N, C-alpha and C. Protein backbone atom coordinates (compact mmCIF):
# COMPACT_ATOMS: atom_id res chain seq x y z
N UNK A 1 7.09 64.98 -33.11
CA UNK A 1 6.93 63.81 -33.97
C UNK A 1 6.83 64.27 -35.42
N UNK A 2 7.56 63.62 -36.31
CA UNK A 2 7.55 63.99 -37.72
C UNK A 2 6.20 63.65 -38.34
N UNK A 3 5.83 64.45 -39.33
CA UNK A 3 4.58 64.19 -40.03
C UNK A 3 4.68 62.86 -40.76
N UNK A 4 3.55 62.14 -40.82
CA UNK A 4 3.51 60.87 -41.55
C UNK A 4 3.71 61.16 -43.03
N UNK A 5 4.46 60.32 -43.74
CA UNK A 5 4.69 60.54 -45.16
C UNK A 5 3.43 60.31 -45.97
N UNK A 6 3.28 61.04 -47.05
CA UNK A 6 2.13 60.87 -47.93
C UNK A 6 2.18 59.51 -48.62
N UNK A 7 1.01 58.91 -48.82
CA UNK A 7 0.94 57.64 -49.54
C UNK A 7 0.36 57.83 -50.94
N UNK A 8 0.28 59.08 -51.40
CA UNK A 8 -0.08 59.32 -52.79
C UNK A 8 0.95 58.63 -53.69
N UNK A 9 0.46 57.94 -54.71
CA UNK A 9 1.33 57.13 -55.57
C UNK A 9 1.51 57.77 -56.94
N UNK A 10 2.76 57.88 -57.38
CA UNK A 10 3.10 58.36 -58.71
C UNK A 10 3.41 57.13 -59.56
N UNK A 11 2.66 56.94 -60.64
CA UNK A 11 2.77 55.74 -61.46
C UNK A 11 3.79 55.98 -62.57
N UNK A 12 4.82 55.14 -62.61
CA UNK A 12 5.86 55.25 -63.64
C UNK A 12 5.44 54.41 -64.85
N UNK A 13 5.44 55.04 -66.01
CA UNK A 13 5.04 54.32 -67.23
C UNK A 13 3.72 54.84 -67.77
N UNK A 14 3.47 54.53 -69.03
CA UNK A 14 2.25 55.00 -69.68
C UNK A 14 1.10 54.04 -69.41
N UNK A 15 0.53 54.16 -68.22
CA UNK A 15 -0.63 53.35 -67.86
C UNK A 15 -1.57 54.20 -67.01
N UNK A 16 -2.83 53.82 -67.02
CA UNK A 16 -3.83 54.56 -66.26
C UNK A 16 -3.80 54.14 -64.79
N UNK A 17 -3.89 55.09 -63.89
CA UNK A 17 -3.75 54.80 -62.45
C UNK A 17 -5.06 54.40 -61.80
N UNK A 18 -5.77 53.46 -62.41
CA UNK A 18 -7.05 53.05 -61.85
C UNK A 18 -6.84 52.01 -60.74
N UNK A 19 -7.84 51.81 -59.89
CA UNK A 19 -7.68 50.85 -58.78
C UNK A 19 -7.37 49.45 -59.29
N UNK A 20 -6.55 48.76 -58.53
CA UNK A 20 -6.16 47.39 -58.87
C UNK A 20 -6.68 46.48 -57.76
N UNK A 21 -7.77 45.75 -58.02
CA UNK A 21 -8.40 44.94 -56.99
C UNK A 21 -7.49 43.84 -56.48
N UNK A 22 -6.51 43.42 -57.31
CA UNK A 22 -5.62 42.35 -56.89
C UNK A 22 -4.52 42.84 -55.97
N UNK A 23 -4.51 44.15 -55.75
CA UNK A 23 -3.43 44.75 -54.95
C UNK A 23 -4.02 45.74 -53.97
N UNK A 24 -4.80 45.24 -53.01
CA UNK A 24 -5.41 46.12 -52.02
C UNK A 24 -4.32 46.84 -51.23
N UNK A 25 -4.49 48.14 -51.04
CA UNK A 25 -3.48 48.92 -50.33
C UNK A 25 -3.40 48.47 -48.87
N UNK A 26 -2.20 48.14 -48.44
CA UNK A 26 -1.98 47.75 -47.06
C UNK A 26 -1.51 48.94 -46.23
N UNK A 27 -0.77 49.83 -46.86
CA UNK A 27 -0.25 50.99 -46.15
C UNK A 27 -1.36 52.01 -45.93
N UNK A 28 -1.29 52.70 -44.81
CA UNK A 28 -2.27 53.74 -44.51
C UNK A 28 -1.52 55.03 -44.20
N UNK A 29 -2.09 56.16 -44.58
CA UNK A 29 -1.45 57.42 -44.30
C UNK A 29 -2.13 58.55 -45.04
N UNK A 30 -1.62 59.76 -44.90
CA UNK A 30 -2.22 60.92 -45.56
C UNK A 30 -1.98 60.91 -47.05
N UNK A 31 -2.88 61.57 -47.78
CA UNK A 31 -2.75 61.73 -49.23
C UNK A 31 -2.48 63.19 -49.55
N UNK A 32 -1.82 63.43 -50.68
CA UNK A 32 -1.63 64.81 -51.13
C UNK A 32 -2.98 65.46 -51.40
N UNK A 33 -3.08 66.73 -51.08
CA UNK A 33 -4.32 67.45 -51.33
C UNK A 33 -4.32 68.03 -52.73
N UNK A 34 -5.51 68.31 -53.24
CA UNK A 34 -5.67 68.91 -54.55
C UNK A 34 -7.05 69.52 -54.66
N UNK A 35 -7.43 69.85 -55.88
CA UNK A 35 -8.76 70.40 -56.13
C UNK A 35 -9.24 69.90 -57.48
N UNK A 36 -10.54 69.68 -57.59
CA UNK A 36 -11.13 69.25 -58.85
C UNK A 36 -12.25 70.22 -59.21
N UNK A 37 -12.29 70.61 -60.47
CA UNK A 37 -13.32 71.52 -60.96
C UNK A 37 -14.14 70.82 -62.02
N UNK A 38 -15.45 70.74 -61.80
CA UNK A 38 -16.37 70.12 -62.74
C UNK A 38 -17.55 71.06 -62.93
N UNK A 39 -17.84 71.39 -64.18
CA UNK A 39 -18.97 72.29 -64.50
C UNK A 39 -18.89 73.59 -63.72
N UNK A 40 -17.67 74.13 -63.59
CA UNK A 40 -17.49 75.41 -62.92
C UNK A 40 -17.46 75.35 -61.41
N UNK A 41 -17.69 74.17 -60.83
CA UNK A 41 -17.69 74.02 -59.38
C UNK A 41 -16.36 73.42 -58.93
N UNK A 42 -15.64 74.15 -58.06
CA UNK A 42 -14.33 73.72 -57.59
C UNK A 42 -14.45 73.15 -56.18
N UNK A 43 -13.92 71.93 -55.99
CA UNK A 43 -13.99 71.27 -54.69
C UNK A 43 -12.62 70.70 -54.33
N UNK A 44 -12.33 70.69 -53.03
CA UNK A 44 -11.10 70.06 -52.57
C UNK A 44 -11.20 68.55 -52.77
N UNK A 45 -10.05 67.91 -52.98
CA UNK A 45 -10.02 66.46 -53.15
C UNK A 45 -8.67 65.95 -52.69
N UNK A 46 -8.52 64.64 -52.63
CA UNK A 46 -7.22 64.03 -52.32
C UNK A 46 -6.73 63.30 -53.56
N UNK A 47 -5.42 63.31 -53.75
CA UNK A 47 -4.81 62.67 -54.91
C UNK A 47 -4.34 61.28 -54.48
N UNK A 48 -4.99 60.24 -55.02
CA UNK A 48 -4.63 58.88 -54.64
C UNK A 48 -3.50 58.33 -55.53
N UNK A 49 -3.69 58.40 -56.84
CA UNK A 49 -2.69 57.93 -57.79
C UNK A 49 -2.67 58.88 -58.97
N UNK A 50 -1.47 59.07 -59.53
CA UNK A 50 -1.38 59.92 -60.72
C UNK A 50 -0.32 59.36 -61.65
N UNK A 51 -0.62 59.38 -62.95
CA UNK A 51 0.33 58.92 -63.96
C UNK A 51 0.34 59.93 -65.10
N UNK A 52 1.09 59.63 -66.14
CA UNK A 52 1.14 60.51 -67.31
C UNK A 52 -0.22 60.60 -67.99
N UNK A 53 -1.06 59.59 -67.80
CA UNK A 53 -2.32 59.51 -68.54
C UNK A 53 -3.56 59.90 -67.75
N UNK A 54 -3.46 59.92 -66.42
CA UNK A 54 -4.67 60.22 -65.66
C UNK A 54 -4.42 60.27 -64.17
N UNK A 55 -5.51 60.42 -63.42
CA UNK A 55 -5.40 60.57 -61.97
C UNK A 55 -6.63 59.96 -61.29
N UNK A 56 -6.41 59.36 -60.14
CA UNK A 56 -7.49 58.88 -59.29
C UNK A 56 -7.58 59.81 -58.09
N UNK A 57 -8.75 60.36 -57.83
CA UNK A 57 -8.92 61.31 -56.73
C UNK A 57 -9.98 60.82 -55.76
N UNK A 58 -9.83 61.22 -54.51
CA UNK A 58 -10.83 60.96 -53.50
C UNK A 58 -11.75 62.16 -53.37
N UNK A 59 -13.04 61.95 -53.56
CA UNK A 59 -14.01 63.03 -53.51
C UNK A 59 -15.40 62.45 -53.36
N UNK A 60 -16.34 63.26 -52.84
CA UNK A 60 -17.72 62.79 -52.74
C UNK A 60 -18.56 63.21 -53.95
N UNK A 61 -17.93 63.85 -54.93
CA UNK A 61 -18.64 64.22 -56.15
C UNK A 61 -19.00 62.97 -56.96
N UNK A 62 -20.14 63.00 -57.63
CA UNK A 62 -20.55 61.88 -58.49
C UNK A 62 -20.97 62.44 -59.84
N UNK A 63 -20.00 62.84 -60.67
CA UNK A 63 -20.32 63.40 -61.98
C UNK A 63 -20.68 62.29 -62.96
N UNK A 64 -21.13 62.70 -64.14
CA UNK A 64 -21.45 61.73 -65.19
C UNK A 64 -20.19 61.34 -65.94
N UNK A 65 -20.16 60.12 -66.45
CA UNK A 65 -19.04 59.70 -67.26
C UNK A 65 -18.91 60.60 -68.49
N UNK A 66 -17.70 60.99 -68.79
CA UNK A 66 -17.46 61.86 -69.94
C UNK A 66 -17.48 63.33 -69.62
N UNK A 67 -17.92 63.71 -68.42
CA UNK A 67 -17.91 65.13 -68.04
C UNK A 67 -16.48 65.66 -68.04
N UNK A 68 -16.32 66.91 -68.45
CA UNK A 68 -15.02 67.54 -68.39
C UNK A 68 -14.63 67.85 -66.96
N UNK A 69 -13.34 67.75 -66.66
CA UNK A 69 -12.85 68.02 -65.30
C UNK A 69 -11.46 68.62 -65.38
N UNK A 70 -11.13 69.43 -64.38
CA UNK A 70 -9.80 70.01 -64.27
C UNK A 70 -9.25 69.66 -62.89
N UNK A 71 -8.01 69.19 -62.87
CA UNK A 71 -7.37 68.80 -61.62
C UNK A 71 -6.27 69.81 -61.30
N UNK A 72 -6.26 70.28 -60.06
CA UNK A 72 -5.20 71.17 -59.59
C UNK A 72 -4.45 70.48 -58.45
N UNK A 73 -3.15 70.31 -58.64
CA UNK A 73 -2.33 69.67 -57.62
C UNK A 73 -1.85 70.70 -56.60
N UNK A 74 -1.32 70.21 -55.48
CA UNK A 74 -0.90 71.10 -54.40
C UNK A 74 0.22 72.05 -54.84
N UNK A 75 1.04 71.61 -55.84
CA UNK A 75 2.13 72.47 -56.31
C UNK A 75 1.68 73.49 -57.34
N UNK A 76 0.37 73.53 -57.63
CA UNK A 76 -0.17 74.50 -58.56
C UNK A 76 -0.32 74.01 -59.98
N UNK A 77 0.24 72.85 -60.31
CA UNK A 77 0.11 72.32 -61.66
C UNK A 77 -1.33 71.92 -61.93
N UNK A 78 -1.79 72.18 -63.16
CA UNK A 78 -3.17 71.86 -63.54
C UNK A 78 -3.19 70.96 -64.76
N UNK A 79 -4.19 70.12 -64.83
CA UNK A 79 -4.37 69.25 -65.99
C UNK A 79 -5.87 69.05 -66.20
N UNK A 80 -6.27 69.07 -67.46
CA UNK A 80 -7.69 68.89 -67.78
C UNK A 80 -7.91 67.51 -68.37
N UNK A 81 -9.15 67.04 -68.26
CA UNK A 81 -9.47 65.73 -68.80
C UNK A 81 -10.95 65.45 -68.72
N UNK A 82 -11.30 64.17 -68.74
CA UNK A 82 -12.71 63.76 -68.69
C UNK A 82 -12.88 62.64 -67.67
N UNK A 83 -14.05 62.59 -67.06
CA UNK A 83 -14.36 61.56 -66.07
C UNK A 83 -14.42 60.21 -66.78
N UNK A 84 -13.55 59.27 -66.35
CA UNK A 84 -13.48 57.95 -66.98
C UNK A 84 -14.23 56.89 -66.18
N UNK A 85 -14.34 57.07 -64.87
CA UNK A 85 -15.09 56.13 -64.03
C UNK A 85 -15.39 56.79 -62.69
N UNK A 86 -16.37 56.29 -62.01
CA UNK A 86 -16.71 56.77 -60.67
C UNK A 86 -16.91 55.57 -59.75
N UNK A 87 -16.65 55.77 -58.47
CA UNK A 87 -16.83 54.74 -57.47
C UNK A 87 -17.11 55.38 -56.13
N UNK A 88 -17.26 54.59 -55.09
CA UNK A 88 -17.53 55.14 -53.75
C UNK A 88 -16.43 56.09 -53.29
N UNK A 89 -16.74 57.37 -53.22
CA UNK A 89 -15.82 58.39 -52.72
C UNK A 89 -14.53 58.51 -53.53
N UNK A 90 -14.56 58.12 -54.78
CA UNK A 90 -13.40 58.32 -55.63
C UNK A 90 -13.83 58.27 -57.10
N UNK A 91 -13.00 58.83 -57.95
CA UNK A 91 -13.26 58.80 -59.39
C UNK A 91 -11.95 58.92 -60.14
N UNK A 92 -12.01 58.59 -61.42
CA UNK A 92 -10.82 58.65 -62.26
C UNK A 92 -11.00 59.65 -63.38
N UNK A 93 -9.97 60.44 -63.62
CA UNK A 93 -9.95 61.42 -64.70
C UNK A 93 -8.86 61.03 -65.70
N UNK A 94 -9.26 60.84 -66.96
CA UNK A 94 -8.28 60.58 -68.02
C UNK A 94 -7.88 61.93 -68.63
N UNK A 95 -6.58 62.23 -68.61
CA UNK A 95 -6.12 63.53 -69.10
C UNK A 95 -6.32 63.68 -70.61
N UNK A 96 -6.59 64.91 -71.03
CA UNK A 96 -6.68 65.19 -72.46
C UNK A 96 -5.31 65.11 -73.12
N UNK A 97 -4.28 65.50 -72.38
CA UNK A 97 -2.90 65.43 -72.86
C UNK A 97 -2.04 64.84 -71.76
N UNK A 98 -1.03 64.07 -72.16
CA UNK A 98 -0.16 63.45 -71.16
C UNK A 98 0.61 64.51 -70.37
N UNK A 99 0.93 64.18 -69.14
CA UNK A 99 1.77 65.06 -68.32
C UNK A 99 3.11 64.37 -68.09
N UNK A 100 4.10 65.16 -67.69
CA UNK A 100 5.45 64.66 -67.44
C UNK A 100 5.55 64.30 -65.96
N UNK A 101 5.49 62.99 -65.63
CA UNK A 101 5.51 62.57 -64.24
C UNK A 101 6.86 62.85 -63.59
N UNK A 102 7.96 62.71 -64.35
CA UNK A 102 9.28 63.02 -63.80
C UNK A 102 9.37 64.48 -63.39
N UNK A 103 8.85 65.37 -64.24
CA UNK A 103 8.85 66.79 -63.89
C UNK A 103 7.98 67.03 -62.66
N UNK A 104 6.87 66.31 -62.57
CA UNK A 104 5.98 66.43 -61.41
C UNK A 104 6.70 65.98 -60.14
N UNK A 105 7.44 64.88 -60.23
CA UNK A 105 8.21 64.40 -59.08
C UNK A 105 9.26 65.44 -58.66
N UNK A 106 9.95 66.00 -59.65
CA UNK A 106 10.97 67.01 -59.33
C UNK A 106 10.36 68.22 -58.65
N UNK A 107 9.19 68.66 -59.11
CA UNK A 107 8.53 69.82 -58.51
C UNK A 107 8.11 69.51 -57.07
N UNK A 108 7.67 68.27 -56.85
CA UNK A 108 7.27 67.89 -55.49
C UNK A 108 8.48 67.90 -54.56
N UNK A 109 9.62 67.38 -55.04
CA UNK A 109 10.81 67.36 -54.22
C UNK A 109 11.32 68.77 -53.93
N UNK A 110 11.34 69.61 -54.95
CA UNK A 110 11.83 70.99 -54.78
C UNK A 110 10.95 71.76 -53.80
N UNK A 111 9.66 71.42 -53.75
CA UNK A 111 8.75 72.13 -52.85
C UNK A 111 8.99 71.79 -51.38
N UNK A 112 9.74 70.70 -51.11
CA UNK A 112 10.04 70.31 -49.73
C UNK A 112 11.30 71.02 -49.24
N UNK A 113 11.41 71.14 -47.91
CA UNK A 113 12.64 71.69 -47.34
C UNK A 113 13.80 70.77 -47.70
N UNK A 114 14.93 71.37 -48.08
CA UNK A 114 16.07 70.59 -48.58
C UNK A 114 16.47 69.46 -47.64
N UNK A 115 16.54 69.76 -46.34
CA UNK A 115 17.01 68.75 -45.39
C UNK A 115 15.95 67.70 -45.08
N UNK A 116 14.70 67.91 -45.57
CA UNK A 116 13.64 66.95 -45.28
C UNK A 116 13.03 66.37 -46.56
N UNK A 117 13.71 66.48 -47.67
CA UNK A 117 13.19 65.97 -48.93
C UNK A 117 13.08 64.44 -48.88
N UNK A 118 11.89 63.96 -49.19
CA UNK A 118 11.62 62.52 -49.14
C UNK A 118 10.96 62.08 -50.43
N UNK A 119 11.45 60.99 -50.99
CA UNK A 119 10.89 60.48 -52.23
C UNK A 119 9.47 59.99 -51.99
N UNK A 120 8.51 60.41 -52.80
CA UNK A 120 7.13 59.91 -52.66
C UNK A 120 7.03 58.46 -53.14
N UNK A 121 5.87 57.87 -52.94
CA UNK A 121 5.64 56.49 -53.35
C UNK A 121 5.54 56.41 -54.88
N UNK A 122 6.27 55.44 -55.45
CA UNK A 122 6.27 55.23 -56.89
C UNK A 122 5.72 53.85 -57.20
N UNK A 123 4.81 53.77 -58.16
CA UNK A 123 4.33 52.46 -58.62
C UNK A 123 5.13 52.08 -59.85
N UNK A 124 5.77 50.93 -59.78
CA UNK A 124 6.61 50.44 -60.87
C UNK A 124 6.33 48.95 -61.07
N UNK A 125 6.89 48.40 -62.12
CA UNK A 125 6.85 46.95 -62.33
C UNK A 125 8.21 46.52 -62.82
N UNK A 126 8.97 45.85 -61.94
CA UNK A 126 10.26 45.32 -62.35
C UNK A 126 10.63 44.16 -61.43
N UNK A 127 11.63 43.39 -61.83
CA UNK A 127 12.03 42.23 -61.07
C UNK A 127 12.81 42.63 -59.81
N UNK A 128 12.61 41.87 -58.74
CA UNK A 128 13.36 42.06 -57.50
C UNK A 128 13.69 40.68 -56.93
N UNK A 129 14.90 40.54 -56.45
CA UNK A 129 15.28 39.31 -55.75
C UNK A 129 15.34 39.62 -54.26
N UNK A 130 14.79 38.70 -53.46
CA UNK A 130 14.71 38.90 -52.02
C UNK A 130 15.49 37.79 -51.33
N UNK A 131 16.58 38.16 -50.67
CA UNK A 131 17.41 37.18 -49.97
C UNK A 131 17.01 37.13 -48.51
N UNK A 132 16.74 35.94 -48.02
CA UNK A 132 16.39 35.73 -46.62
C UNK A 132 17.17 34.51 -46.13
N UNK A 133 18.17 34.74 -45.27
CA UNK A 133 19.04 33.63 -44.87
C UNK A 133 19.79 33.13 -46.09
N UNK A 134 19.70 31.84 -46.34
CA UNK A 134 20.37 31.28 -47.51
C UNK A 134 19.46 31.12 -48.70
N UNK A 135 18.21 31.61 -48.60
CA UNK A 135 17.23 31.46 -49.68
C UNK A 135 17.06 32.77 -50.45
N UNK A 136 16.88 32.65 -51.76
CA UNK A 136 16.61 33.82 -52.61
C UNK A 136 15.31 33.58 -53.35
N UNK A 137 14.37 34.52 -53.19
CA UNK A 137 13.08 34.46 -53.88
C UNK A 137 13.06 35.50 -54.99
N UNK A 138 12.46 35.16 -56.12
CA UNK A 138 12.28 36.11 -57.21
C UNK A 138 10.84 36.63 -57.15
N UNK A 139 10.70 37.94 -57.19
CA UNK A 139 9.38 38.55 -57.07
C UNK A 139 9.29 39.76 -58.00
N UNK A 140 8.13 40.42 -57.97
CA UNK A 140 7.91 41.64 -58.75
C UNK A 140 7.80 42.82 -57.81
N UNK A 141 8.56 43.85 -58.07
CA UNK A 141 8.45 45.09 -57.30
C UNK A 141 7.23 45.85 -57.80
N UNK A 142 6.30 46.18 -56.90
CA UNK A 142 5.07 46.87 -57.29
C UNK A 142 5.12 48.35 -56.95
N UNK A 143 5.64 48.70 -55.79
CA UNK A 143 5.85 50.12 -55.50
C UNK A 143 6.99 50.28 -54.52
N UNK A 144 7.53 51.49 -54.49
CA UNK A 144 8.69 51.78 -53.66
C UNK A 144 8.61 53.21 -53.18
N UNK A 145 9.05 53.44 -51.96
CA UNK A 145 9.10 54.78 -51.39
C UNK A 145 10.38 54.89 -50.58
N UNK A 146 10.59 56.02 -49.93
CA UNK A 146 11.80 56.21 -49.15
C UNK A 146 11.91 55.20 -48.01
N UNK A 147 10.77 54.72 -47.53
CA UNK A 147 10.80 53.87 -46.33
C UNK A 147 10.55 52.40 -46.59
N UNK A 148 10.27 52.03 -47.82
CA UNK A 148 10.07 50.61 -48.05
C UNK A 148 9.55 50.31 -49.43
N UNK A 149 9.15 49.05 -49.63
CA UNK A 149 8.67 48.62 -50.93
C UNK A 149 7.61 47.53 -50.76
N UNK A 150 6.79 47.41 -51.79
CA UNK A 150 5.77 46.37 -51.84
C UNK A 150 6.15 45.42 -52.96
N UNK A 151 6.12 44.12 -52.65
CA UNK A 151 6.50 43.11 -53.63
C UNK A 151 5.39 42.09 -53.79
N UNK A 152 5.43 41.36 -54.91
CA UNK A 152 4.45 40.32 -55.18
C UNK A 152 5.19 39.08 -55.68
N UNK A 153 4.83 37.92 -55.12
CA UNK A 153 5.47 36.70 -55.56
C UNK A 153 5.00 35.49 -54.77
N UNK A 154 5.50 34.33 -55.15
CA UNK A 154 5.16 33.08 -54.48
C UNK A 154 6.17 32.81 -53.36
N UNK A 155 5.69 32.21 -52.27
CA UNK A 155 6.56 31.75 -51.19
C UNK A 155 7.52 32.83 -50.70
N UNK A 156 6.97 34.01 -50.41
CA UNK A 156 7.78 35.10 -49.88
C UNK A 156 8.05 34.84 -48.40
N UNK A 157 9.11 35.44 -47.85
CA UNK A 157 9.43 35.23 -46.43
C UNK A 157 8.28 35.67 -45.52
N UNK A 158 8.28 35.12 -44.31
CA UNK A 158 7.21 35.39 -43.35
C UNK A 158 7.35 36.78 -42.73
N UNK A 159 6.26 37.26 -42.17
CA UNK A 159 6.29 38.52 -41.44
C UNK A 159 7.32 38.43 -40.31
N UNK A 160 8.12 39.47 -40.18
CA UNK A 160 9.17 39.48 -39.16
C UNK A 160 10.53 39.05 -39.67
N UNK A 161 10.57 38.49 -40.88
CA UNK A 161 11.85 38.04 -41.44
C UNK A 161 12.69 39.23 -41.89
N UNK A 162 14.00 39.15 -41.68
CA UNK A 162 14.93 40.15 -42.17
C UNK A 162 15.36 39.76 -43.58
N UNK A 163 15.29 40.70 -44.50
CA UNK A 163 15.55 40.40 -45.90
C UNK A 163 16.45 41.45 -46.53
N UNK A 164 17.07 41.05 -47.65
CA UNK A 164 17.88 41.97 -48.45
C UNK A 164 17.34 41.97 -49.88
N UNK A 165 16.69 43.07 -50.31
CA UNK A 165 16.16 43.14 -51.68
C UNK A 165 17.24 43.58 -52.66
N UNK A 166 17.19 43.03 -53.87
CA UNK A 166 18.14 43.39 -54.92
C UNK A 166 17.37 43.75 -56.19
N UNK A 167 17.55 44.99 -56.66
CA UNK A 167 16.92 45.48 -57.88
C UNK A 167 18.01 46.02 -58.79
N UNK A 168 17.98 45.63 -60.04
CA UNK A 168 18.99 46.06 -61.00
C UNK A 168 19.03 47.58 -61.10
N UNK A 169 20.21 48.15 -60.85
CA UNK A 169 20.40 49.59 -61.01
C UNK A 169 20.07 50.42 -59.79
N UNK A 170 19.65 49.78 -58.69
CA UNK A 170 19.26 50.53 -57.49
C UNK A 170 19.75 49.81 -56.25
N UNK A 171 20.43 50.53 -55.38
CA UNK A 171 20.91 49.96 -54.12
C UNK A 171 19.84 50.15 -53.05
N UNK A 172 19.32 49.03 -52.52
CA UNK A 172 18.26 49.08 -51.51
C UNK A 172 18.78 48.52 -50.20
N UNK A 173 18.61 49.24 -49.10
CA UNK A 173 19.06 48.72 -47.80
C UNK A 173 18.27 47.47 -47.41
N UNK A 174 18.82 46.70 -46.49
CA UNK A 174 18.10 45.55 -45.94
C UNK A 174 16.90 46.05 -45.14
N UNK A 175 15.96 45.13 -44.90
CA UNK A 175 14.77 45.52 -44.17
C UNK A 175 14.06 44.33 -43.57
N UNK A 176 12.81 44.57 -43.19
CA UNK A 176 12.00 43.55 -42.52
C UNK A 176 10.65 43.42 -43.20
N UNK A 177 10.17 42.20 -43.35
CA UNK A 177 8.81 41.98 -43.84
C UNK A 177 7.85 42.39 -42.74
N UNK A 178 7.05 43.42 -42.98
CA UNK A 178 6.17 43.94 -41.92
C UNK A 178 4.70 43.57 -42.14
N UNK A 179 4.33 43.11 -43.35
CA UNK A 179 2.98 42.60 -43.57
C UNK A 179 2.98 41.68 -44.78
N UNK A 180 2.00 40.78 -44.81
CA UNK A 180 1.77 39.90 -45.96
C UNK A 180 0.28 39.75 -46.15
N UNK A 181 -0.12 39.66 -47.43
CA UNK A 181 -1.51 39.44 -47.78
C UNK A 181 -1.54 38.67 -49.08
N UNK A 182 -1.77 37.37 -49.00
CA UNK A 182 -1.73 36.55 -50.20
C UNK A 182 -0.35 36.56 -50.82
N UNK A 183 -0.26 36.96 -52.09
CA UNK A 183 1.01 37.01 -52.81
C UNK A 183 1.76 38.33 -52.59
N UNK A 184 1.19 39.23 -51.81
CA UNK A 184 1.79 40.54 -51.59
C UNK A 184 2.48 40.62 -50.24
N UNK A 185 3.54 41.42 -50.17
CA UNK A 185 4.24 41.63 -48.91
C UNK A 185 4.84 43.03 -48.90
N UNK A 186 4.97 43.59 -47.70
CA UNK A 186 5.57 44.90 -47.54
C UNK A 186 6.89 44.81 -46.79
N UNK A 187 7.91 45.48 -47.31
CA UNK A 187 9.23 45.50 -46.67
C UNK A 187 9.50 46.91 -46.18
N UNK A 188 9.83 47.03 -44.90
CA UNK A 188 10.26 48.31 -44.33
C UNK A 188 11.77 48.28 -44.25
N UNK A 189 12.43 49.24 -44.92
CA UNK A 189 13.90 49.24 -44.95
C UNK A 189 14.45 49.88 -43.68
N UNK A 190 15.65 49.41 -43.28
CA UNK A 190 16.26 49.90 -42.05
C UNK A 190 16.83 51.30 -42.20
N UNK A 191 17.28 51.64 -43.41
CA UNK A 191 17.80 52.98 -43.69
C UNK A 191 17.00 53.59 -44.82
N UNK A 192 16.56 54.83 -44.65
CA UNK A 192 15.70 55.47 -45.64
C UNK A 192 16.40 55.58 -46.99
N UNK A 193 15.64 55.26 -48.05
CA UNK A 193 16.16 55.39 -49.42
C UNK A 193 16.22 56.87 -49.80
N UNK A 194 17.36 57.30 -50.32
CA UNK A 194 17.53 58.69 -50.70
C UNK A 194 16.89 58.97 -52.06
N UNK A 195 16.24 60.14 -52.17
CA UNK A 195 15.65 60.53 -53.45
C UNK A 195 16.72 60.72 -54.51
N UNK A 196 17.95 61.05 -54.09
CA UNK A 196 19.03 61.26 -55.06
C UNK A 196 19.45 59.95 -55.72
N UNK A 197 19.16 58.82 -55.08
CA UNK A 197 19.46 57.53 -55.71
C UNK A 197 18.28 57.00 -56.50
N UNK A 198 17.06 57.32 -56.06
CA UNK A 198 15.88 56.79 -56.74
C UNK A 198 15.60 57.51 -58.06
N UNK A 199 15.78 58.83 -58.10
CA UNK A 199 15.45 59.61 -59.30
C UNK A 199 16.22 59.13 -60.53
N UNK A 200 17.55 58.94 -60.47
CA UNK A 200 18.26 58.44 -61.66
C UNK A 200 17.75 57.07 -62.10
N UNK A 201 17.42 56.21 -61.13
CA UNK A 201 16.89 54.88 -61.45
C UNK A 201 15.54 55.00 -62.16
N UNK A 202 14.69 55.90 -61.69
CA UNK A 202 13.39 56.10 -62.33
C UNK A 202 13.57 56.62 -63.74
N UNK A 203 14.52 57.54 -63.94
CA UNK A 203 14.78 58.06 -65.28
C UNK A 203 15.17 56.93 -66.23
N UNK A 204 15.99 55.99 -65.73
CA UNK A 204 16.41 54.87 -66.59
C UNK A 204 15.22 53.97 -66.92
N UNK A 205 14.30 53.78 -65.97
CA UNK A 205 13.11 52.98 -66.25
C UNK A 205 12.25 53.64 -67.32
N UNK A 206 12.10 54.96 -67.25
CA UNK A 206 11.31 55.69 -68.22
C UNK A 206 11.95 55.58 -69.60
N UNK A 207 13.28 55.69 -69.67
CA UNK A 207 13.96 55.58 -70.97
C UNK A 207 13.77 54.18 -71.54
N UNK A 208 13.86 53.17 -70.70
CA UNK A 208 13.69 51.80 -71.17
C UNK A 208 12.30 51.55 -71.71
N UNK A 209 11.28 52.10 -71.01
CA UNK A 209 9.90 51.90 -71.45
C UNK A 209 9.60 52.63 -72.74
N UNK A 210 10.37 53.71 -73.02
CA UNK A 210 10.17 54.49 -74.24
C UNK A 210 10.79 53.83 -75.46
N UNK A 211 11.74 52.91 -75.22
CA UNK A 211 12.44 52.25 -76.33
C UNK A 211 11.70 51.02 -76.82
């Protein structure tokens, strides 16, 4: 049986990867491992979300706000910052200097075996149209991975419905609505999205946000 894909989220755009109460995570799975060093003490942690500006980690440490911290990712990359918030078994570190998320994504892909390279989960915000039968719904794409996407909108198709998502600049296979929670829904695609198609699309999103 293949290993379950990581649900660690890479946030596209210059925003802090703090928890979003309006978007409770529906997907479950393993997180990328890492390490956090605070006051000279190094501890293992899990990487929940990471962006150019900061990182949310899972840990039982409860440091003081403003404490210096260093984050080490599984690929060996390190970033320093300060504790921005703490919560039950997790905390947020705001980086002292921005990191290159695209470079981080590339390093993660290169670290995988070529024939098993899988695009990690990306948090984005862009328009998506969802066709179900003869109806088309307009929604917001919240995150996307090789196996599916999470969308937000009004009057989305019911669980079990077969749908065709359309996103400008990216070809997405048809799929099935596998969960719904309020205005949120998860689509599992029938054919895995290739990282070779997602990376150029992500680069275009980054260029657009920079302009």
